[in-house]
């Protein structure tokens, strides 16, 4: 977990530059075919297209492991986290739904 978290935070800190009229967020995508979790850094300047930069791929396909990485990542940054591909799945620790409904592009 520590190496995955270090890679994500290192790349996140390098990409995050606080600018005016720019919205930043993290995107976590569940890839059930490769059994991986993919992390992306997304940004959008007002009036422009969305930009998505891949941060890291976690190959340890376990929701409990992903939950510990997300909790540690939220302690590091205050960016919003958008989940895709997690429809119908629950966090193991508190059984909360991860993603309530599918996004339009899923």
PDB file of N, CA and C in Angstrom:
ATOM      1  N   UNK A   1       0.820  -1.188   0.000  1.00  0.00           N
ATOM      2  CA  UNK A   1       0.000   0.000   0.000  1.00  0.00           C
ATOM      3  C   UNK A   1       0.859   1.244   0.000  1.00  0.00           C
ATOM      4  N   UNK A   2       1.948   1.229   0.754  1.00  0.00           N
ATOM      5  CA  UNK A   2       2.762   2.428   0.890  1.00  0.00           C
ATOM      6  C   UNK A   2       3.367   2.823  -0.450  1.00  0.00           C
ATOM      7  N   UNK A   3       3.837   1.866  -1.226  1.00  0.00           N
ATOM      8  CA  UNK A   3       4.444   2.208  -2.513  1.00  0.00           C
ATOM      9  C   UNK A   3       3.393   2.757  -3.485  1.00  0.00           C
ATOM     10  N   UNK A   4       2.195   2.156  -3.518  1.00  0.00           N
ATOM     11  CA  UNK A   4       1.127   2.676  -4.376  1.00  0.00           C
ATOM     12  C   UNK A   4       0.742   4.090  -3.967  1.00  0.00           C
ATOM     13  N   UNK A   5       0.589   4.298  -2.682  1.00  0.00           N
ATOM     14  CA  UNK A   5       0.208   5.616  -2.179  1.00  0.00           C
ATOM     15  C   UNK A   5       1.292   6.651  -2.456  1.00  0.00           C
ATOM     16  N   UNK A   6       2.546   6.277  -2.294  1.00  0.00           N
ATOM     17  CA  UNK A   6       3.642   7.207  -2.555  1.00  0.00           C
ATOM     18  C   UNK A   6       3.697   7.610  -4.020  1.00  0.00           C
ATOM     19  N   UNK A   7       3.490   6.667  -4.911  1.00  0.00           N
ATOM     20  CA  UNK A   7       3.504   6.972  -6.343  1.00  0.00           C
ATOM     21  C   UNK A   7       2.366   7.924  -6.689  1.00  0.00           C
ATOM     22  N   UNK A   8       1.177   7.648  -6.171  1.00  0.00           N
ATOM     23  CA  UNK A   8       0.016   8.490  -6.471  1.00  0.00           C
ATOM     24  C   UNK A   8       0.215   9.899  -5.926  1.00  0.00           C
ATOM     25  N   UNK A   9       0.636  10.024  -4.664  1.00  0.00           N
ATOM     26  CA  UNK A   9       0.802  11.357  -4.069  1.00  0.00           C
ATOM     27  C   UNK A   9       1.934  12.132  -4.727  1.00  0.00           C
ATOM     28  N   UNK A  10       3.002  11.457  -5.103  1.00  0.00           N
ATOM     29  CA  UNK A  10       4.121  12.137  -5.768  1.00  0.00           C
ATOM     30  C   UNK A  10       3.673  12.713  -7.105  1.00  0.00           C
ATOM     31  N   UNK A  11       2.968  11.921  -7.890  1.00  0.00           N
ATOM     32  CA  UNK A  11       2.490  12.391  -9.197  1.00  0.00           C
ATOM     33  C   UNK A  11       1.394  13.442  -9.049  1.00  0.00           C
ATOM     34  N   UNK A  12       0.563  13.286  -8.038  1.00  0.00           N
ATOM     35  CA  UNK A  12      -0.505  14.252  -7.781  1.00  0.00           C
ATOM     36  C   UNK A  12       0.071  15.609  -7.399  1.00  0.00           C
ATOM     37  N   UNK A  13       1.063  15.619  -6.522  1.00  0.00           N
ATOM     38  CA  UNK A  13       1.681  16.877  -6.107  1.00  0.00           C
ATOM     39  C   UNK A  13       2.384  17.573  -7.270  1.00  0.00           C
ATOM     40  N   UNK A  14       2.948  16.799  -8.180  1.00  0.00           N
ATOM     41  CA  UNK A  14       3.622  17.394  -9.335  1.00  0.00           C
ATOM     42  C   UNK A  14       2.618  18.019 -10.309  1.00  0.00           C
ATOM     43  N   UNK A  15       1.435  17.436 -10.433  1.00  0.00           N
ATOM     44  CA  UNK A  15       0.437  17.924 -11.391  1.00  0.00           C
ATOM     45  C   UNK A  15      -0.437  19.048 -10.847  1.00  0.00           C
ATOM     46  N   UNK A  16      -0.651  19.071  -9.542  1.00  0.00           N
ATOM     47  CA  UNK A  16      -1.593  20.042  -8.979  1.00  0.00           C
ATOM     48  C   UNK A  16      -0.936  21.412  -8.864  1.00  0.00           C
ATOM     49  N   UNK A  17      -1.417  22.328  -9.676  1.00  0.00           N
ATOM     50  CA  UNK A  17      -0.979  23.719  -9.627  1.00  0.00           C
ATOM     51  C   UNK A  17      -2.243  24.542  -9.450  1.00  0.00           C
ATOM     52  N   UNK A  18      -2.353  25.216  -8.337  1.00  0.00           N
ATOM     53  CA  UNK A  18      -3.574  25.955  -8.046  1.00  0.00           C
ATOM     54  C   UNK A  18      -3.709  27.135  -8.999  1.00  0.00           C
ATOM     55  N   UNK A  19      -4.734  27.092  -9.848  1.00  0.00           N
ATOM     56  CA  UNK A  19      -4.997  28.161 -10.805  1.00  0.00           C
ATOM     57  C   UNK A  19      -6.435  28.632 -10.665  1.00  0.00           C
ATOM     58  N   UNK A  20      -6.655  29.836 -11.105  1.00  0.00           N
ATOM     59  CA  UNK A  20      -7.987  30.424 -11.039  1.00  0.00           C
ATOM     60  C   UNK A  20      -8.885  29.827 -12.127  1.00  0.00           C
ATOM     61  N   UNK A  21     -10.153  29.610 -11.783  1.00  0.00           N
ATOM     62  CA  UNK A  21     -11.173  29.078 -12.697  1.00  0.00           C
ATOM     63  C   UNK A  21     -10.856  27.677 -13.217  1.00  0.00           C
ATOM     64  N   UNK A  22     -10.129  26.904 -12.435  1.00  0.00           N
ATOM     65  CA  UNK A  22      -9.832  25.524 -12.811  1.00  0.00           C
ATOM     66  C   UNK A  22     -10.394  24.603 -11.738  1.00  0.00           C
ATOM     67  N   UNK A  23     -11.102  23.584 -12.178  1.00  0.00           N
ATOM     68  CA  UNK A  23     -11.656  22.583 -11.253  1.00  0.00           C
ATOM     69  C   UNK A  23     -10.794  21.333 -11.327  1.00  0.00           C
ATOM     70  N   UNK A  24     -10.385  20.829 -10.166  1.00  0.00           N
ATOM     71  CA  UNK A  24      -9.548  19.632 -10.085  1.00  0.00           C
ATOM     72  C   UNK A  24     -10.290  18.537  -9.322  1.00  0.00           C
ATOM     73  N   UNK A  25     -10.097  17.273  -9.714  1.00  0.00           N
ATOM     74  CA  UNK A  25     -10.646  16.150  -8.968  1.00  0.00           C
ATOM     75  C   UNK A  25      -9.885  14.880  -9.338  1.00  0.00           C
ATOM     76  N   UNK A  26     -10.040  13.872  -8.501  1.00  0.00           N
ATOM     77  CA  UNK A  26      -9.455  12.559  -8.754  1.00  0.00           C
ATOM     78  C   UNK A  26     -10.538  11.625  -9.271  1.00  0.00           C
ATOM     79  N   UNK A  27     -10.154  10.724 -10.145  1.00  0.00           N
ATOM     80  CA  UNK A  27     -11.093   9.745 -10.673  1.00  0.00           C
ATOM     81  C   UNK A  27     -10.504   8.356 -10.448  1.00  0.00           C
ATOM     82  N   UNK A  28     -11.307   7.488  -9.848  1.00  0.00           N
ATOM     83  CA  UNK A  28     -10.902   6.105  -9.612  1.00  0.00           C
ATOM     84  C   UNK A  28     -11.818   5.219 -10.447  1.00  0.00           C
ATOM     85  N   UNK A  29     -11.216   4.387 -11.290  1.00  0.00           N
ATOM     86  CA  UNK A  29     -11.983   3.556 -12.216  1.00  0.00           C
ATOM     87  C   UNK A  29     -11.710   2.089 -11.914  1.00  0.00           C
ATOM     88  N   UNK A  30     -12.787   1.326 -11.781  1.00  0.00           N
ATOM     89  CA  UNK A  30     -12.684  -0.117 -11.587  1.00  0.00           C
ATOM     90  C   UNK A  30     -12.643  -0.785 -12.962  1.00  0.00           C
ATOM     91  N   UNK A  31     -11.586  -1.536 -13.218  1.00  0.00           N
ATOM     92  CA  UNK A  31     -11.451  -2.269 -14.474  1.00  0.00           C
ATOM     93  C   UNK A  31     -11.598  -3.758 -14.175  1.00  0.00           C
ATOM     94  N   UNK A  32     -12.822  -4.303 -14.298  1.00  0.00           N
ATOM     95  CA  UNK A  32     -13.031  -5.709 -13.935  1.00  0.00           C
ATOM     96  C   UNK A  32     -12.393  -6.693 -14.912  1.00  0.00           C
ATOM     97  N   UNK A  33     -12.097  -6.262 -16.124  1.00  0.00           N
ATOM     98  CA  UNK A  33     -11.510  -7.168 -17.115  1.00  0.00           C
ATOM     99  C   UNK A  33     -10.038  -7.450 -16.812  1.00  0.00           C
ATOM    100  N   UNK A  34      -9.294  -6.400 -16.468  1.00  0.00           N
ATOM    101  CA  UNK A  34      -7.886  -6.575 -16.090  1.00  0.00           C
ATOM    102  C   UNK A  34      -7.724  -6.764 -14.591  1.00  0.00           C
ATOM    103  N   UNK A  35      -8.803  -6.608 -13.843  1.00  0.00           N
ATOM    104  CA  UNK A  35      -8.819  -6.679 -12.384  1.00  0.00           C
ATOM    105  C   UNK A  35      -7.799  -5.712 -11.779  1.00  0.00           C
ATOM    106  N   UNK A  36      -7.982  -4.426 -12.119  1.00  0.00           N
ATOM    107  CA  UNK A  36      -7.131  -3.356 -11.600  1.00  0.00           C
ATOM    108  C   UNK A  36      -7.997  -2.158 -11.240  1.00  0.00           C
ATOM    109  N   UNK A  37      -7.413  -1.252 -10.463  1.00  0.00           N
ATOM    110  CA  UNK A  37      -8.018   0.042 -10.155  1.00  0.00           C
ATOM    111  C   UNK A  37      -7.109   1.111 -10.743  1.00  0.00           C
ATOM    112  N   UNK A  38      -7.673   1.999 -11.553  1.00  0.00           N
ATOM    113  CA  UNK A  38      -6.901   3.036 -12.223  1.00  0.00           C
ATOM    114  C   UNK A  38      -7.217   4.395 -11.611  1.00  0.00           C
ATOM    115  N   UNK A  39      -6.181   5.181 -11.351  1.00  0.00           N
ATOM    116  CA  UNK A  39      -6.316   6.514 -10.782  1.00  0.00           C
ATOM    117  C   UNK A  39      -5.972   7.549 -11.846  1.00  0.00           C
ATOM    118  N   UNK A  40      -6.822   8.584 -11.946  1.00  0.00           N
ATOM    119  CA  UNK A  40      -6.612   9.662 -12.898  1.00  0.00           C
ATOM    120  C   UNK A  40      -6.715  11.001 -12.175  1.00  0.00           C
ATOM    121  N   UNK A  41      -5.946  11.983 -12.657  1.00  0.00           N
ATOM    122  CA  UNK A  41      -6.024  13.353 -12.175  1.00  0.00           C
ATOM    123  C   UNK A  41      -6.732  14.149 -13.257  1.00  0.00           C
ATOM    124  N   UNK A  42      -7.915  14.661 -12.943  1.00  0.00           N
ATOM    125  CA  UNK A  42      -8.718  15.385 -13.919  1.00  0.00           C
ATOM    126  C   UNK A  42      -8.755  16.862 -13.579  1.00  0.00           C
ATOM    127  N   UNK A  43      -8.763  17.682 -14.628  1.00  0.00           N
ATOM    128  CA  UNK A  43      -8.879  19.124 -14.440  1.00  0.00           C
ATOM    129  C   UNK A  43      -9.679  19.698 -15.598  1.00  0.00           C
ATOM    130  N   UNK A  44     -10.304  20.827 -15.324  1.00  0.00           N
ATOM    131  CA  UNK A  44     -11.094  21.482 -16.358  1.00  0.00           C
ATOM    132  C   UNK A  44     -11.057  22.983 -16.135  1.00  0.00           C
ATOM    133  N   UNK A  45     -10.503  23.685 -17.102  1.00  0.00           N
ATOM    134  CA  UNK A  45     -10.504  25.134 -17.099  1.00  0.00           C
ATOM    135  C   UNK A  45     -11.867  25.600 -17.593  1.00  0.00           C
ATOM    136  N   UNK A  46     -12.394  26.631 -16.966  1.00  0.00           N
ATOM    137  CA  UNK A  46     -13.720  27.123 -17.319  1.00  0.00           C
ATOM    138  C   UNK A  46     -13.780  27.461 -18.810  1.00  0.00           C
ATOM    139  N   UNK A  47     -14.753  26.866 -19.498  1.00  0.00           N
ATOM    140  CA  UNK A  47     -14.934  27.109 -20.921  1.00  0.00           C
ATOM    141  C   UNK A  47     -14.070  26.238 -21.818  1.00  0.00           C
ATOM    142  N   UNK A  48     -13.321  25.309 -21.248  1.00  0.00           N
ATOM    143  CA  UNK A  48     -12.454  24.429 -22.026  1.00  0.00           C
ATOM    144  C   UNK A  48     -12.823  22.969 -21.780  1.00  0.00           C
ATOM    145  N   UNK A  49     -12.147  22.074 -22.480  1.00  0.00           N
ATOM    146  CA  UNK A  49     -12.405  20.645 -22.336  1.00  0.00           C
ATOM    147  C   UNK A  49     -11.733  20.087 -21.091  1.00  0.00           C
ATOM    148  N   UNK A  50     -12.246  18.951 -20.678  1.00  0.00           N
ATOM    149  CA  UNK A  50     -11.682  18.245 -19.523  1.00  0.00           C
ATOM    150  C   UNK A  50     -10.359  17.584 -19.915  1.00  0.00           C
ATOM    151  N   UNK A  51      -9.393  17.642 -18.988  1.00  0.00           N
ATOM    152  CA  UNK A  51      -8.091  17.017 -19.211  1.00  0.00           C
ATOM    153  C   UNK A  51      -7.906  15.930 -18.161  1.00  0.00           C
ATOM    154  N   UNK A  52      -7.536  14.739 -18.590  1.00  0.00           N
ATOM    155  CA  UNK A  52      -7.373  13.611 -17.687  1.00  0.00           C
ATOM    156  C   UNK A  52      -5.970  13.028 -17.846  1.00  0.00           C
ATOM    157  N   UNK A  53      -5.249  12.925 -16.723  1.00  0.00           N
ATOM    158  CA  UNK A  53      -3.883  12.406 -16.737  1.00  0.00           C
ATOM    159  C   UNK A  53      -3.838  11.147 -15.878  1.00  0.00           C
ATOM    160  N   UNK A  54      -3.384  10.015 -16.426  1.00  0.00           N
ATOM    161  CA  UNK A  54      -3.286   8.797 -15.614  1.00  0.00           C
ATOM    162  C   UNK A  54      -2.213   8.943 -14.541  1.00  0.00           C
ATOM    163  N   UNK A  55      -2.561   8.561 -13.306  1.00  0.00           N
ATOM    164  CA  UNK A  55      -1.616   8.640 -12.193  1.00  0.00           C
ATOM    165  C   UNK A  55      -0.973   7.295 -11.888  1.00  0.00           C
ATOM    166  N   UNK A  56      -1.795   6.268 -11.737  1.00  0.00           N
ATOM    167  CA  UNK A  56      -1.260   4.980 -11.300  1.00  0.00           C
ATOM    168  C   UNK A  56      -2.315   3.894 -11.496  1.00  0.00           C
ATOM    169  N   UNK A  57      -1.859   2.656 -11.591  1.00  0.00           N
ATOM    170  CA  UNK A  57      -2.734   1.493 -11.655  1.00  0.00           C
ATOM    171  C   UNK A  57      -2.407   0.576 -10.494  1.00  0.00           C
ATOM    172  N   UNK A  58      -3.418   0.266  -9.698  1.00  0.00           N
ATOM    173  CA  UNK A  58      -3.238  -0.666  -8.581  1.00  0.00           C
ATOM    174  C   UNK A  58      -3.646  -2.050  -9.068  1.00  0.00           C
ATOM    175  N   UNK A  59      -2.710  -2.978  -9.007  1.00  0.00           N
ATOM    176  CA  UNK A  59      -2.966  -4.328  -9.507  1.00  0.00           C
ATOM    177  C   UNK A  59      -3.509  -5.262  -8.427  1.00  0.00           C
ATOM    178  N   UNK A  60      -3.416  -4.844  -7.167  1.00  0.00           N
ATOM    179  CA  UNK A  60      -3.967  -5.654  -6.072  1.00  0.00           C
ATOM    180  C   UNK A  60      -5.474  -5.415  -6.052  1.00  0.00           C
ATOM    181  N   UNK A  61      -6.244  -6.308  -6.626  1.00  0.00           N
ATOM    182  CA  UNK A  61      -7.673  -6.121  -6.856  1.00  0.00           C
ATOM    183  C   UNK A  61      -8.465  -6.554  -5.626  1.00  0.00           C
ATOM    184  N   UNK A  62      -8.509  -5.671  -4.629  1.00  0.00           N
ATOM    185  CA  UNK A  62      -9.202  -5.951  -3.372  1.00  0.00           C
ATOM    186  C   UNK A  62      -9.804  -4.646  -2.870  1.00  0.00           C
ATOM    187  N   UNK A  63     -11.111  -4.645  -2.578  1.00  0.00           N
ATOM    188  CA  UNK A  63     -11.776  -3.415  -2.141  1.00  0.00           C
ATOM    189  C   UNK A  63     -11.272  -2.921  -0.791  1.00  0.00           C
ATOM    190  N   UNK A  64     -10.923  -3.815   0.115  1.00  0.00           N
ATOM    191  CA  UNK A  64     -10.402  -3.397   1.417  1.00  0.00           C
ATOM    192  C   UNK A  64      -9.073  -2.663   1.244  1.00  0.00           C
ATOM    193  N   UNK A  65      -8.230  -3.157   0.350  1.00  0.00           N
ATOM    194  CA  UNK A  65      -6.950  -2.503   0.062  1.00  0.00           C
ATOM    195  C   UNK A  65      -7.183  -1.138  -0.574  1.00  0.00           C
ATOM    196  N   UNK A  66      -8.114  -1.078  -1.534  1.00  0.00           N
ATOM    197  CA  UNK A  66      -8.432   0.193  -2.182  1.00  0.00           C
ATOM    198  C   UNK A  66      -8.971   1.193  -1.171  1.00  0.00           C
ATOM    199  N   UNK A  67      -9.777   0.727  -0.242  1.00  0.00           N
ATOM    200  CA  UNK A  67     -10.345   1.616   0.772  1.00  0.00           C
ATOM    201  C   UNK A  67      -9.250   2.231   1.641  1.00  0.00           C
ATOM    202  N   UNK A  68      -8.249   1.455   2.026  1.00  0.00           N
ATOM    203  CA  UNK A  68      -7.153   2.012   2.831  1.00  0.00           C
ATOM    204  C   UNK A  68      -6.342   3.024   2.029  1.00  0.00           C
ATOM    205  N   UNK A  69      -6.154   2.769   0.735  1.00  0.00           N
ATOM    206  CA  UNK A  69      -5.436   3.730  -0.114  1.00  0.00           C
ATOM    207  C   UNK A  69      -6.234   5.021  -0.238  1.00  0.00           C
ATOM    208  N   UNK A  70      -7.546   4.921  -0.438  1.00  0.00           N
ATOM    209  CA  UNK A  70      -8.399   6.107  -0.582  1.00  0.00           C
ATOM    210  C   UNK A  70      -8.418   6.917   0.713  1.00  0.00           C
ATOM    211  N   UNK A  71      -8.516   6.251   1.854  1.00  0.00           N
ATOM    212  CA  UNK A  71      -8.532   6.955   3.141  1.00  0.00           C
ATOM    213  C   UNK A  71      -7.227   7.708   3.346  1.00  0.00           C
ATOM    214  N   UNK A  72      -6.116   7.072   3.051  1.00  0.00           N
ATOM    215  CA  UNK A  72      -4.816   7.733   3.188  1.00  0.00           C
ATOM    216  C   UNK A  72      -4.668   8.869   2.184  1.00  0.00           C
ATOM    217  N   UNK A  73      -5.200   8.693   0.994  1.00  0.00           N
ATOM    218  CA  UNK A  73      -5.128   9.730  -0.028  1.00  0.00           C
ATOM    219  C   UNK A  73      -5.978  10.939   0.351  1.00  0.00           C
ATOM    220  N   UNK A  74      -7.129  10.697   0.967  1.00  0.00           N
ATOM    221  CA  UNK A  74      -7.977  11.806   1.408  1.00  0.00           C
ATOM    222  C   UNK A  74      -7.344  12.584   2.561  1.00  0.00           C
ATOM    223  N   UNK A  75      -6.488  11.937   3.334  1.00  0.00           N
ATOM    224  CA  UNK A  75      -5.748  12.653   4.374  1.00  0.00           C
ATOM    225  C   UNK A  75      -4.689  13.554   3.756  1.00  0.00           C
ATOM    226  N   UNK A  76      -4.190  13.170   2.590  1.00  0.00           N
ATOM    227  CA  UNK A  76      -3.137  13.931   1.914  1.00  0.00           C
ATOM    228  C   UNK A  76      -3.696  15.126   1.134  1.00  0.00           C
ATOM    229  N   UNK A  77      -4.853  14.957   0.513  1.00  0.00           N
ATOM    230  CA  UNK A  77      -5.411  16.003  -0.333  1.00  0.00           C
ATOM    231  C   UNK A  77      -6.902  16.179  -0.056  1.00  0.00           C
ATOM    232  N   UNK A  78      -7.420  17.340  -0.419  1.00  0.00           N
ATOM    233  CA  UNK A  78      -8.839  17.621  -0.235  1.00  0.00           C
ATOM    234  C   UNK A  78      -9.606  17.577  -1.556  1.00  0.00           C
ATOM    235  N   UNK A  79      -9.005  17.016  -2.579  1.00  0.00           N
ATOM    236  CA  UNK A  79      -9.680  16.920  -3.872  1.00  0.00           C
ATOM    237  C   UNK A  79     -10.858  15.956  -3.800  1.00  0.00           C
ATOM    238  N   UNK A  80     -11.881  16.245  -4.587  1.00  0.00           N
ATOM    239  CA  UNK A  80     -13.027  15.343  -4.690  1.00  0.00           C
ATOM    240  C   UNK A  80     -12.600  14.069  -5.409  1.00  0.00           C
ATOM    241  N   UNK A  81     -13.275  12.979  -5.084  1.00  0.00           N
ATOM    242  CA  UNK A  81     -12.974  11.697  -5.716  1.00  0.00           C
ATOM    243  C   UNK A  81     -14.227  11.221  -6.443  1.00  0.00           C
ATOM    244  N   UNK A  82     -14.092  10.958  -7.732  1.00  0.00           N
ATOM    245  CA  UNK A  82     -15.179  10.461  -8.562  1.00  0.00           C
ATOM    246  C   UNK A  82     -14.912   8.992  -8.853  1.00  0.00           C
ATOM    247  N   UNK A  83     -15.897   8.146  -8.571  1.00  0.00           N
ATOM    248  CA  UNK A  83     -15.749   6.704  -8.767  1.00  0.00           C
ATOM    249  C   UNK A  83     -16.518   6.278 -10.011  1.00  0.00           C
ATOM    250  N   UNK A  84     -15.896   5.445 -10.844  1.00  0.00           N
ATOM    251  CA  UNK A  84     -16.562   4.905 -12.034  1.00  0.00           C
ATOM    252  C   UNK A  84     -16.353   3.404 -12.093  1.00  0.00           C
ATOM    253  N   UNK A  85     -17.408   2.701 -12.437  1.00  0.00           N
ATOM    254  CA  UNK A  85     -17.337   1.255 -12.556  1.00  0.00           C
ATOM    255  C   UNK A  85     -17.599   0.520 -11.252  1.00  0.00           C
ATOM    256  N   UNK A  86     -18.029   1.233 -10.226  1.00  0.00           N
ATOM    257  CA  UNK A  86     -18.275   0.633  -8.915  1.00  0.00           C
ATOM    258  C   UNK A  86     -19.764   0.494  -8.615  1.00  0.00           C
ATOM    259  N   UNK A  87     -20.612   0.511  -9.634  1.00  0.00           N
ATOM    260  CA  UNK A  87     -22.051   0.441  -9.431  1.00  0.00           C
ATOM    261  C   UNK A  87     -22.432  -0.855  -8.719  1.00  0.00           C
ATOM    262  N   UNK A  88     -23.161  -0.715  -7.614  1.00  0.00           N
ATOM    263  CA  UNK A  88     -23.618  -1.877  -6.858  1.00  0.00           C
ATOM    264  C   UNK A  88     -22.606  -2.443  -5.883  1.00  0.00           C
ATOM    265  N   UNK A  89     -21.433  -1.832  -5.764  1.00  0.00           N
ATOM    266  CA  UNK A  89     -20.421  -2.326  -4.833  1.00  0.00           C
ATOM    267  C   UNK A  89     -20.445  -1.500  -3.552  1.00  0.00           C
ATOM    268  N   UNK A  90     -20.020  -2.113  -2.450  1.00  0.00           N
ATOM    269  CA  UNK A  90     -20.028  -1.478  -1.138  1.00  0.00           C
ATOM    270  C   UNK A  90     -18.625  -1.499  -0.543  1.00  0.00           C
ATOM    271  N   UNK A  91     -18.321  -0.475   0.286  1.00  0.00           N
ATOM    272  CA  UNK A  91     -17.059  -0.481   1.025  1.00  0.00           C
ATOM    273  C   UNK A  91     -17.113  -1.585   2.078  1.00  0.00           C
ATOM    274  N   UNK A  92     -16.041  -2.329   2.267  1.00  0.00           N
ATOM    275  CA  UNK A  92     -16.048  -3.440   3.223  1.00  0.00           C
ATOM    276  C   UNK A  92     -16.181  -3.009   4.683  1.00  0.00           C
ATOM    277  N   UNK A  93     -15.644  -1.853   5.049  1.00  0.00           N
ATOM    278  CA  UNK A  93     -15.623  -1.481   6.468  1.00  0.00           C
ATOM    279  C   UNK A  93     -16.985  -1.021   6.985  1.00  0.00           C
ATOM    280  N   UNK A  94     -17.718  -0.216   6.203  1.00  0.00           N
ATOM    281  CA  UNK A  94     -18.981   0.330   6.705  1.00  0.00           C
ATOM    282  C   UNK A  94     -20.181  -0.010   5.816  1.00  0.00           C
ATOM    283  N   UNK A  95     -19.951  -0.734   4.746  1.00  0.00           N
ATOM    284  CA  UNK A  95     -20.987  -1.194   3.830  1.00  0.00           C
ATOM    285  C   UNK A  95     -21.763  -0.049   3.160  1.00  0.00           C
ATOM    286  N   UNK A  96     -21.135   1.108   3.017  1.00  0.00           N
ATOM    287  CA  UNK A  96     -21.731   2.201   2.257  1.00  0.00           C
ATOM    288  C   UNK A  96     -21.553   1.937   0.766  1.00  0.00           C
ATOM    289  N   UNK A  97     -22.517   2.398  -0.020  1.00  0.00           N
ATOM    290  CA  UNK A  97     -22.440   2.232  -1.469  1.00  0.00           C
ATOM    291  C   UNK A  97     -21.331   3.135  -2.007  1.00  0.00           C
ATOM    292  N   UNK A  98     -20.512   2.595  -2.891  1.00  0.00           N
ATOM    293  CA  UNK A  98     -19.410   3.371  -3.466  1.00  0.00           C
ATOM    294  C   UNK A  98     -19.936   4.306  -4.547  1.00  0.00           C
ATOM    295  N   UNK A  99     -20.691   3.770  -5.495  1.00  0.00           N
ATOM    296  CA  UNK A  99     -21.248   4.555  -6.591  1.00  0.00           C
ATOM    297  C   UNK A  99     -22.732   4.244  -6.688  1.00  0.00           C
ATOM    298  N   UNK A 100     -23.577   5.248  -6.538  1.00  0.00           N
ATOM    299  CA  UNK A 100     -25.017   5.017  -6.483  1.00  0.00           C
ATOM    300  C   UNK A 100     -25.608   4.640  -7.830  1.00  0.00           C
ATOM    301  N   UNK A 101     -25.258   5.367  -8.881  1.00  0.00           N
ATOM    302  CA  UNK A 101     -25.802   5.041 -10.200  1.00  0.00           C
ATOM    303  C   UNK A 101     -24.722   5.208 -11.258  1.00  0.00           C
ATOM    304  N   UNK A 102     -24.963   4.593 -12.385  1.00  0.00           N
ATOM    305  CA  UNK A 102     -23.988   4.637 -13.469  1.00  0.00           C
ATOM    306  C   UNK A 102     -23.886   6.038 -14.045  1.00  0.00           C
ATOM    307  N   UNK A 103     -22.704   6.385 -14.517  1.00  0.00           N
ATOM    308  CA  UNK A 103     -22.509   7.641 -15.232  1.00  0.00           C
ATOM    309  C   UNK A 103     -22.925   7.443 -16.687  1.00  0.00           C
ATOM    310  N   UNK A 104     -23.124   8.528 -17.391  1.00  0.00           N
ATOM    311  CA  UNK A 104     -23.625   8.450 -18.756  1.00  0.00           C
ATOM    312  C   UNK A 104     -22.646   7.756 -19.699  1.00  0.00           C
ATOM    313  N   UNK A 105     -21.357   7.767 -19.377  1.00  0.00           N
ATOM    314  CA  UNK A 105     -20.368   7.200 -20.292  1.00  0.00           C
ATOM    315  C   UNK A 105     -19.920   5.790 -19.913  1.00  0.00           C
ATOM    316  N   UNK A 106     -20.590   5.158 -18.963  1.00  0.00           N
ATOM    317  CA  UNK A 106     -20.226   3.786 -18.567  1.00  0.00           C
ATOM    318  C   UNK A 106     -20.961   2.773 -19.405  1.00  0.00           C
TER     319      UNK A 106
END
